[in-house]
Amino acid sequence: MRKSYDFSKAKQNPYANRLKRQLTIRLDAETIEYFQSLSREFGAPYQTLMNMYLRECATSKRRPQWDVTPA
């Protein structure tokens, strides 16, 4: 290792706005099992697949089906 490094020409990370944040959510077992089965099929982590699906929903402005009528 060097004693010192020159960061005078350093640039800001262009991907910083795409970094992921850790979040705790509650999901039912069937949903987790579904994405885990897709994970085995595609060979990708199930959390990545969940993120991809949610990103697709957000990008296309897809809204959830809500069967509860407000009182």
Protein backbone atom coordinates (compact mmCIF):
# COMPACT_ATOMS: atom_id res chain seq x y z
CA MET A 1 0.00 0.00 0.00
CA ARG A 2 1.10 3.52 -0.68
CA LYS A 3 1.58 6.02 2.12
CA SER A 4 -0.75 8.48 0.38
CA TYR A 5 -3.05 8.61 -2.62
CA ASP A 6 -3.92 11.50 -4.95
CA PHE A 7 -7.69 11.94 -5.26
CA SER A 8 -7.49 15.38 -6.91
CA LYS A 9 -8.76 13.96 -10.23
CA ALA A 10 -11.39 11.69 -8.68
CA LYS A 11 -14.91 11.73 -10.11
CA GLN A 12 -18.21 11.16 -8.37
CA ASN A 13 -19.66 7.66 -8.85
CA PRO A 14 -22.12 7.93 -11.79
CA TYR A 15 -24.04 4.91 -10.46
CA ALA A 16 -24.54 6.29 -6.94
CA ASN A 17 -28.22 7.07 -7.58
CA ARG A 18 -28.83 3.43 -8.48
CA LEU A 19 -27.42 2.00 -5.26
CA LYS A 20 -29.84 -0.19 -3.35
CA ARG A 21 -31.12 0.41 0.15
CA GLN A 22 -31.85 -2.28 2.67
CA LEU A 23 -35.53 -2.44 3.61
CA THR A 24 -37.57 -4.75 5.80
CA ILE A 25 -40.96 -5.76 4.40
CA ARG A 26 -43.46 -8.43 5.31
CA LEU A 27 -44.41 -10.87 2.55
CA ASP A 28 -46.62 -13.91 2.69
CA ALA A 29 -45.01 -17.31 2.34
CA GLU A 30 -46.64 -18.03 -1.04
CA THR A 31 -45.13 -14.90 -2.57
CA ILE A 32 -41.65 -15.77 -1.31
CA GLU A 33 -41.99 -19.36 -2.51
CA TYR A 34 -43.11 -18.14 -5.95
CA PHE A 35 -40.07 -15.90 -6.40
CA GLN A 36 -37.76 -18.58 -4.99
CA SER A 37 -39.05 -21.04 -7.58
CA LEU A 38 -38.43 -18.44 -10.30
CA SER A 39 -34.98 -17.97 -8.81
CA ARG A 40 -34.16 -21.64 -9.30
CA GLU A 41 -35.53 -21.49 -12.86
CA PHE A 42 -33.61 -18.35 -13.90
CA GLY A 43 -30.53 -18.84 -11.76
CA ALA A 44 -30.83 -15.38 -10.21
CA PRO A 45 -31.35 -14.45 -6.55
CA TYR A 46 -35.03 -14.22 -5.66
CA GLN A 47 -34.61 -10.76 -4.14
CA THR A 48 -33.17 -9.56 -7.45
CA LEU A 49 -36.20 -10.95 -9.27
CA MET A 50 -38.53 -9.21 -6.82
CA ASN A 51 -36.68 -5.95 -7.37
CA MET A 52 -36.84 -6.35 -11.16
CA TYR A 53 -40.59 -6.98 -11.02
CA LEU A 54 -41.26 -4.04 -8.71
CA ARG A 55 -39.10 -1.77 -10.87
CA GLU A 56 -41.06 -2.87 -13.95
CA CYS A 57 -44.33 -2.09 -12.15
CA ALA A 58 -43.06 1.34 -11.10
CA THR A 59 -41.74 2.16 -14.58
CA SER A 60 -45.00 1.21 -16.27
CA LYS A 61 -47.06 2.94 -13.53
CA ARG A 62 -48.87 -0.32 -12.85
CA ARG A 63 -51.23 -0.01 -9.90
CA PRO A 64 -52.23 -2.83 -7.55
CA GLN A 65 -55.71 -4.30 -7.71
CA TRP A 66 -57.45 -3.32 -4.52
CA ASP A 67 -60.78 -5.02 -3.84
CA VAL A 68 -61.56 -3.11 -0.64
CA THR A 69 -64.20 -0.40 -1.03
CA PRO A 70 -63.52 2.64 1.18
CA ALA A 71 -66.22 3.30 3.79
